[in-house]
PDB file of N, CA and C in Angstrom:
ATOM      1  N   MET A   1      15.286  -7.614  -4.932  1.00  0.00           N
ATOM      2  CA  MET A   1      15.472  -7.018  -3.618  1.00  0.00           C
ATOM      3  C   MET A   1      14.444  -7.610  -2.663  1.00  0.00           C
ATOM      4  N   LYS A   2      14.855  -7.784  -1.432  1.00  0.00           N
ATOM      5  CA  LYS A   2      13.981  -8.347  -0.414  1.00  0.00           C
ATOM      6  C   LYS A   2      12.948  -7.316   0.032  1.00  0.00           C
ATOM      7  N   LEU A   3      11.721  -7.789   0.247  1.00  0.00           N
ATOM      8  CA  LEU A   3      10.646  -6.891   0.673  1.00  0.00           C
ATOM      9  C   LEU A   3      10.829  -6.506   2.138  1.00  0.00           C
ATOM     10  N   PRO A   4      10.555  -5.260   2.494  1.00  0.00           N
ATOM     11  CA  PRO A   4      10.637  -4.862   3.901  1.00  0.00           C
ATOM     12  C   PRO A   4       9.458  -5.433   4.689  1.00  0.00           C
ATOM     13  N   VAL A   5       9.630  -5.560   5.986  1.00  0.00           N
ATOM     14  CA  VAL A   5       8.550  -6.008   6.865  1.00  0.00           C
ATOM     15  C   VAL A   5       7.895  -4.751   7.425  1.00  0.00           C
ATOM     16  N   VAL A   6       6.668  -4.483   6.988  1.00  0.00           N
ATOM     17  CA  VAL A   6       5.970  -3.266   7.396  1.00  0.00           C
ATOM     18  C   VAL A   6       4.510  -3.572   7.702  1.00  0.00           C
ATOM     19  N   SER A   7       3.893  -2.681   8.457  1.00  0.00           N
ATOM     20  CA  SER A   7       2.476  -2.825   8.783  1.00  0.00           C
ATOM     21  C   SER A   7       1.635  -2.172   7.691  1.00  0.00           C
ATOM     22  N   GLY A   8       0.353  -2.469   7.692  1.00  0.00           N
ATOM     23  CA  GLY A   8      -0.561  -1.862   6.732  1.00  0.00           C
ATOM     24  C   GLY A   8      -0.638  -0.357   6.897  1.00  0.00           C
ATOM     25  N   LYS A   9      -0.527   0.107   8.149  1.00  0.00           N
ATOM     26  CA  LYS A   9      -0.567   1.558   8.401  1.00  0.00           C
ATOM     27  C   LYS A   9       0.591   2.270   7.722  1.00  0.00           C
ATOM     28  N   ARG A  10       1.793   1.673   7.789  1.00  0.00           N
ATOM     29  CA  ARG A  10       2.959   2.300   7.164  1.00  0.00           C
ATOM     30  C   ARG A  10       2.854   2.284   5.643  1.00  0.00           C
ATOM     31  N   VAL A  11       2.316   1.198   5.099  1.00  0.00           N
ATOM     32  CA  VAL A  11       2.137   1.117   3.641  1.00  0.00           C
ATOM     33  C   VAL A  11       1.113   2.152   3.191  1.00  0.00           C
ATOM     34  N   LEU A  12       0.019   2.292   3.941  1.00  0.00           N
ATOM     35  CA  LEU A  12      -1.000   3.284   3.610  1.00  0.00           C
ATOM     36  C   LEU A  12      -0.396   4.689   3.619  1.00  0.00           C
ATOM     37  N   ALA A  13       0.365   5.023   4.650  1.00  0.00           N
ATOM     38  CA  ALA A  13       0.994   6.342   4.731  1.00  0.00           C
ATOM     39  C   ALA A  13       1.971   6.559   3.577  1.00  0.00           C
ATOM     40  N   ALA A  14       2.724   5.527   3.212  1.00  0.00           N
ATOM     41  CA  ALA A  14       3.682   5.648   2.115  1.00  0.00           C
ATOM     42  C   ALA A  14       2.971   5.873   0.786  1.00  0.00           C
ATOM     43  N   LEU A  15       1.881   5.154   0.553  1.00  0.00           N
ATOM     44  CA  LEU A  15       1.146   5.329  -0.701  1.00  0.00           C
ATOM     45  C   LEU A  15       0.503   6.713  -0.788  1.00  0.00           C
ATOM     46  N   LEU A  16       0.049   7.232   0.346  1.00  0.00           N
ATOM     47  CA  LEU A  16      -0.510   8.586   0.342  1.00  0.00           C
ATOM     48  C   LEU A  16       0.575   9.604  -0.012  1.00  0.00           C
ATOM     49  N   ARG A  17       1.793   9.400   0.495  1.00  0.00           N
ATOM     50  CA  ARG A  17       2.903  10.292   0.153  1.00  0.00           C
ATOM     51  C   ARG A  17       3.306  10.148  -1.312  1.00  0.00           C
ATOM     52  N   ALA A  18       3.049   8.969  -1.893  1.00  0.00           N
ATOM     53  CA  ALA A  18       3.434   8.708  -3.285  1.00  0.00           C
ATOM     54  C   ALA A  18       2.417   9.237  -4.285  1.00  0.00           C
ATOM     55  N   GLY A  19       1.364   9.892  -3.818  1.00  0.00           N
ATOM     56  CA  GLY A  19       0.413  10.494  -4.738  1.00  0.00           C
ATOM     57  C   GLY A  19      -0.913   9.770  -4.849  1.00  0.00           C
ATOM     58  N   PHE A  20      -1.139   8.781  -4.010  1.00  0.00           N
ATOM     59  CA  PHE A  20      -2.437   8.100  -4.011  1.00  0.00           C
ATOM     60  C   PHE A  20      -3.397   8.841  -3.096  1.00  0.00           C
ATOM     61  N   ARG A  21      -4.681   8.713  -3.366  1.00  0.00           N
ATOM     62  CA  ARG A  21      -5.729   9.324  -2.536  1.00  0.00           C
ATOM     63  C   ARG A  21      -6.676   8.223  -2.095  1.00  0.00           C
ATOM     64  N   GLU A  22      -7.089   8.278  -0.834  1.00  0.00           N
ATOM     65  CA  GLU A  22      -8.013   7.276  -0.320  1.00  0.00           C
ATOM     66  C   GLU A  22      -9.413   7.561  -0.850  1.00  0.00           C
ATOM     67  N   THR A  23     -10.013   6.569  -1.509  1.00  0.00           N
ATOM     68  CA  THR A  23     -11.353   6.755  -2.044  1.00  0.00           C
ATOM     69  C   THR A  23     -12.406   6.353  -1.027  1.00  0.00           C
ATOM     70  N   HIS A  24     -12.182   5.237  -0.350  1.00  0.00           N
ATOM     71  CA  HIS A  24     -13.121   4.799   0.685  1.00  0.00           C
ATOM     72  C   HIS A  24     -12.472   3.695   1.525  1.00  0.00           C
ATOM     73  N   ALA A  25     -13.121   3.363   2.620  1.00  0.00           N
ATOM     74  CA  ALA A  25     -12.677   2.261   3.468  1.00  0.00           C
ATOM     75  C   ALA A  25     -13.883   1.389   3.766  1.00  0.00           C
ATOM     76  N   ARG A  26     -13.635   0.104   3.788  1.00  0.00           N
ATOM     77  CA  ARG A  26     -14.707  -0.840   4.103  1.00  0.00           C
ATOM     78  C   ARG A  26     -14.156  -1.777   5.168  1.00  0.00           C
ATOM     79  N   GLY A  27     -14.566  -1.543   6.394  1.00  0.00           N
ATOM     80  CA  GLY A  27     -14.017  -2.317   7.502  1.00  0.00           C
ATOM     81  C   GLY A  27     -12.553  -1.963   7.691  1.00  0.00           C
ATOM     82  N   SER A  28     -11.695  -2.966   7.654  1.00  0.00           N
ATOM     83  CA  SER A  28     -10.265  -2.726   7.859  1.00  0.00           C
ATOM     84  C   SER A  28      -9.505  -2.581   6.545  1.00  0.00           C
ATOM     85  N   HIS A  29     -10.200  -2.538   5.424  1.00  0.00           N
ATOM     86  CA  HIS A  29      -9.556  -2.422   4.123  1.00  0.00           C
ATOM     87  C   HIS A  29      -9.753  -1.012   3.559  1.00  0.00           C
ATOM     88  N   HIS A  30      -8.634  -0.369   3.253  1.00  0.00           N
ATOM     89  CA  HIS A  30      -8.651   0.993   2.723  1.00  0.00           C
ATOM     90  C   HIS A  30      -8.334   0.930   1.227  1.00  0.00           C
ATOM     91  N   TYR A  31      -9.118   1.647   0.437  1.00  0.00           N
ATOM     92  CA  TYR A  31      -8.975   1.641  -1.013  1.00  0.00           C
ATOM     93  C   TYR A  31      -8.426   2.979  -1.477  1.00  0.00           C
ATOM     94  N   LEU A  32      -7.377   2.905  -2.298  1.00  0.00           N
ATOM     95  CA  LEU A  32      -6.710   4.107  -2.790  1.00  0.00           C
ATOM     96  C   LEU A  32      -6.685   4.110  -4.304  1.00  0.00           C
ATOM     97  N   ARG A  33      -6.573   5.305  -4.845  1.00  0.00           N
ATOM     98  CA  ARG A  33      -6.499   5.470  -6.291  1.00  0.00           C
ATOM     99  C   ARG A  33      -5.516   6.605  -6.575  1.00  0.00           C
ATOM    100  N   ARG A  34      -4.692   6.396  -7.585  1.00  0.00           N
ATOM    101  CA  ARG A  34      -3.787   7.457  -8.010  1.00  0.00           C
ATOM    102  C   ARG A  34      -4.599   8.467  -8.813  1.00  0.00           C
ATOM    103  N   VAL A  35      -4.295   9.727  -8.707  1.00  0.00           N
ATOM    104  CA  VAL A  35      -5.099  10.783  -9.332  1.00  0.00           C
ATOM    105  C   VAL A  35      -5.220  10.575 -10.835  1.00  0.00           C
ATOM    106  N   GLU A  36      -4.123  10.226 -11.511  1.00  0.00           N
ATOM    107  CA  GLU A  36      -4.168  10.120 -12.966  1.00  0.00           C
ATOM    108  C   GLU A  36      -4.537   8.721 -13.462  1.00  0.00           C
ATOM    109  N   SER A  37      -4.849   7.795 -12.557  1.00  0.00           N
ATOM    110  CA  SER A  37      -5.140   6.423 -12.943  1.00  0.00           C
ATOM    111  C   SER A  37      -6.501   5.988 -12.411  1.00  0.00           C
ATOM    112  N   THR A  38      -7.043   4.943 -13.005  1.00  0.00           N
ATOM    113  CA  THR A  38      -8.310   4.405 -12.521  1.00  0.00           C
ATOM    114  C   THR A  38      -8.095   3.134 -11.712  1.00  0.00           C
ATOM    115  N   GLN A  39      -6.841   2.690 -11.596  1.00  0.00           N
ATOM    116  CA  GLN A  39      -6.558   1.443 -10.890  1.00  0.00           C
ATOM    117  C   GLN A  39      -6.723   1.608  -9.391  1.00  0.00           C
ATOM    118  N   LEU A  40      -7.388   0.629  -8.774  1.00  0.00           N
ATOM    119  CA  LEU A  40      -7.683   0.643  -7.354  1.00  0.00           C
ATOM    120  C   LEU A  40      -6.655  -0.205  -6.604  1.00  0.00           C
ATOM    121  N   VAL A  41      -6.194   0.289  -5.462  1.00  0.00           N
ATOM    122  CA  VAL A  41      -5.245  -0.430  -4.616  1.00  0.00           C
ATOM    123  C   VAL A  41      -5.899  -0.633  -3.261  1.00  0.00           C
ATOM    124  N   CYS A  42      -5.910  -1.872  -2.770  1.00  0.00           N
ATOM    125  CA  CYS A  42      -6.526  -2.198  -1.488  1.00  0.00           C
ATOM    126  C   CYS A  42      -5.436  -2.493  -0.463  1.00  0.00           C
ATOM    127  N   VAL A  43      -5.486  -1.803   0.690  1.00  0.00           N
ATOM    128  CA  VAL A  43      -4.512  -2.011   1.763  1.00  0.00           C
ATOM    129  C   VAL A  43      -5.256  -2.443   3.021  1.00  0.00           C
ATOM    130  N   PRO A  44      -5.012  -3.678   3.495  1.00  0.00           N
ATOM    131  CA  PRO A  44      -5.651  -4.114   4.741  1.00  0.00           C
ATOM    132  C   PRO A  44      -4.881  -3.582   5.946  1.00  0.00           C
ATOM    133  N   ILE A  45      -5.603  -3.107   6.931  1.00  0.00           N
ATOM    134  CA  ILE A  45      -4.981  -2.613   8.160  1.00  0.00           C
ATOM    135  C   ILE A  45      -5.583  -3.374   9.327  1.00  0.00           C
ATOM    136  N   HIS A  46      -4.767  -4.226   9.932  1.00  0.00           N
ATOM    137  CA  HIS A  46      -5.214  -5.029  11.066  1.00  0.00           C
ATOM    138  C   HIS A  46      -4.351  -4.663  12.269  1.00  0.00           C
ATOM    139  N   GLY A  47      -4.685  -3.546  12.893  1.00  0.00           N
ATOM    140  CA  GLY A  47      -3.897  -3.067  14.026  1.00  0.00           C
ATOM    141  C   GLY A  47      -2.495  -2.706  13.575  1.00  0.00           C
ATOM    142  N   ASN A  48      -1.507  -3.095  14.355  1.00  0.00           N
ATOM    143  CA  ASN A  48      -0.112  -2.832  13.986  1.00  0.00           C
ATOM    144  C   ASN A  48       0.578  -4.083  13.470  1.00  0.00           C
ATOM    145  N   LYS A  49      -0.199  -5.076  13.044  1.00  0.00           N
ATOM    146  CA  LYS A  49       0.385  -6.316  12.535  1.00  0.00           C
ATOM    147  C   LYS A  49       1.092  -6.065  11.220  1.00  0.00           C
ATOM    148  N   ASP A  50       2.215  -6.752  11.040  1.00  0.00           N
ATOM    149  CA  ASP A  50       2.947  -6.661   9.785  1.00  0.00           C
ATOM    150  C   ASP A  50       2.202  -7.401   8.689  1.00  0.00           C
ATOM    151  N   LEU A  51       2.310  -6.880   7.475  1.00  0.00           N
ATOM    152  CA  LEU A  51       1.661  -7.525   6.331  1.00  0.00           C
ATOM    153  C   LEU A  51       2.467  -8.749   5.907  1.00  0.00           C
ATOM    154  N   PRO A  52       1.796  -9.834   5.550  1.00  0.00           N
ATOM    155  CA  PRO A  52       2.514 -10.976   4.962  1.00  0.00           C
ATOM    156  C   PRO A  52       3.197 -10.545   3.660  1.00  0.00           C
ATOM    157  N   SER A  53       4.304 -11.196   3.323  1.00  0.00           N
ATOM    158  CA  SER A  53       5.072 -10.781   2.146  1.00  0.00           C
ATOM    159  C   SER A  53       4.256 -10.900   0.859  1.00  0.00           C
ATOM    160  N   GLY A  54       3.391 -11.909   0.755  1.00  0.00           N
ATOM    161  CA  GLY A  54       2.563 -12.055  -0.443  1.00  0.00           C
ATOM    162  C   GLY A  54       1.558 -10.932  -0.584  1.00  0.00           C
ATOM    163  N   THR A  55       1.007 -10.478   0.536  1.00  0.00           N
ATOM    164  CA  THR A  55       0.056  -9.364   0.514  1.00  0.00           C
ATOM    165  C   THR A  55       0.760  -8.077   0.103  1.00  0.00           C
ATOM    166  N   LEU A  56       1.950  -7.847   0.659  1.00  0.00           N
ATOM    167  CA  LEU A  56       2.717  -6.652   0.301  1.00  0.00           C
ATOM    168  C   LEU A  56       3.093  -6.684  -1.175  1.00  0.00           C
ATOM    169  N   ARG A  57       3.489  -7.850  -1.673  1.00  0.00           N
ATOM    170  CA  ARG A  57       3.838  -7.983  -3.086  1.00  0.00           C
ATOM    171  C   ARG A  57       2.626  -7.670  -3.967  1.00  0.00           C
ATOM    172  N   SER A  58       1.443  -8.117  -3.551  1.00  0.00           N
ATOM    173  CA  SER A  58       0.214  -7.850  -4.302  1.00  0.00           C
ATOM    174  C   SER A  58      -0.114  -6.358  -4.311  1.00  0.00           C
ATOM    175  N   ILE A  59       0.057  -5.694  -3.171  1.00  0.00           N
ATOM    176  CA  ILE A  59      -0.192  -4.250  -3.084  1.00  0.00           C
ATOM    177  C   ILE A  59       0.754  -3.497  -4.005  1.00  0.00           C
ATOM    178  N   LEU A  60       2.035  -3.877  -3.998  1.00  0.00           N
ATOM    179  CA  LEU A  60       3.008  -3.209  -4.866  1.00  0.00           C
ATOM    180  C   LEU A  60       2.670  -3.422  -6.338  1.00  0.00           C
ATOM    181  N   LYS A  61       2.198  -4.612  -6.681  1.00  0.00           N
ATOM    182  CA  LYS A  61       1.814  -4.886  -8.069  1.00  0.00           C
ATOM    183  C   LYS A  61       0.612  -4.037  -8.472  1.00  0.00           C
ATOM    184  N   GLN A  62      -0.380  -3.938  -7.572  1.00  0.00           N
ATOM    185  CA  GLN A  62      -1.555  -3.114  -7.854  1.00  0.00           C
ATOM    186  C   GLN A  62      -1.161  -1.647  -8.026  1.00  0.00           C
ATOM    187  N   ALA A  63      -0.218  -1.182  -7.199  1.00  0.00           N
ATOM    188  CA  ALA A  63       0.205   0.221  -7.222  1.00  0.00           C
ATOM    189  C   ALA A  63       1.252   0.496  -8.292  1.00  0.00           C
ATOM    190  N   GLU A  64       1.715  -0.560  -8.968  1.00  0.00           N
ATOM    191  CA  GLU A  64       2.752  -0.436  -9.990  1.00  0.00           C
ATOM    192  C   GLU A  64       4.011   0.205  -9.425  1.00  0.00           C
ATOM    193  N   LEU A  65       4.429  -0.285  -8.243  1.00  0.00           N
ATOM    194  CA  LEU A  65       5.641   0.173  -7.583  1.00  0.00           C
ATOM    195  C   LEU A  65       6.581  -1.004  -7.388  1.00  0.00           C
ATOM    196  N   THR A  66       7.872  -0.721  -7.259  1.00  0.00           N
ATOM    197  CA  THR A  66       8.845  -1.757  -6.937  1.00  0.00           C
ATOM    198  C   THR A  66       9.168  -1.689  -5.445  1.00  0.00           C
ATOM    199  N   ALA A  67       9.841  -2.719  -4.957  1.00  0.00           N
ATOM    200  CA  ALA A  67      10.244  -2.742  -3.555  1.00  0.00           C
ATOM    201  C   ALA A  67      11.194  -1.576  -3.267  1.00  0.00           C
ATOM    202  N   GLU A  68      12.069  -1.264  -4.204  1.00  0.00           N
ATOM    203  CA  GLU A  68      13.006  -0.155  -4.027  1.00  0.00           C
ATOM    204  C   GLU A  68      12.275   1.178  -3.887  1.00  0.00           C
ATOM    205  N   GLN A  69      11.241   1.365  -4.716  1.00  0.00           N
ATOM    206  CA  GLN A  69      10.466   2.607  -4.646  1.00  0.00           C
ATOM    207  C   GLN A  69       9.735   2.707  -3.313  1.00  0.00           C
ATOM    208  N   LEU A  70       9.199   1.590  -2.818  1.00  0.00           N
ATOM    209  CA  LEU A  70       8.518   1.605  -1.530  1.00  0.00           C
ATOM    210  C   LEU A  70       9.485   1.974  -0.406  1.00  0.00           C
ATOM    211  N   ILE A  71      10.680   1.404  -0.442  1.00  0.00           N
ATOM    212  CA  ILE A  71      11.671   1.695   0.601  1.00  0.00           C
ATOM    213  C   ILE A  71      12.044   3.167   0.586  1.00  0.00           C
ATOM    214  N   GLU A  72      12.171   3.756  -0.608  1.00  0.00           N
ATOM    215  CA  GLU A  72      12.463   5.194  -0.704  1.00  0.00           C
ATOM    216  C   GLU A  72      11.360   6.029  -0.063  1.00  0.00           C
ATOM    217  N   ILE A  73      10.109   5.638  -0.296  1.00  0.00           N
ATOM    218  CA  ILE A  73       8.967   6.406   0.213  1.00  0.00           C
ATOM    219  C   ILE A  73       8.829   6.261   1.727  1.00  0.00           C
ATOM    220  N   LEU A  74       9.131   5.053   2.236  1.00  0.00           N
ATOM    221  CA  LEU A  74       9.009   4.827   3.683  1.00  0.00           C
ATOM    222  C   LEU A  74       9.959   5.738   4.419  1.00  0.00           C
TER     223      LEU A  74
END
């Protein structure tokens, strides 16, 4: 499935709805962790700019989500 074109803000909001909690932010990068997991997910937020497809793919891999699951959450 093709990845959606979304901004970092929308991805951050979607991950928060999916059960992730923000642990900290360093500059424009927000770090999230799922409650039952120790894996860290980093989401860059650069204004309202859309994330490059490779960056979005990396975030989904870190979060162990598929493109379909992200679209459902959005």
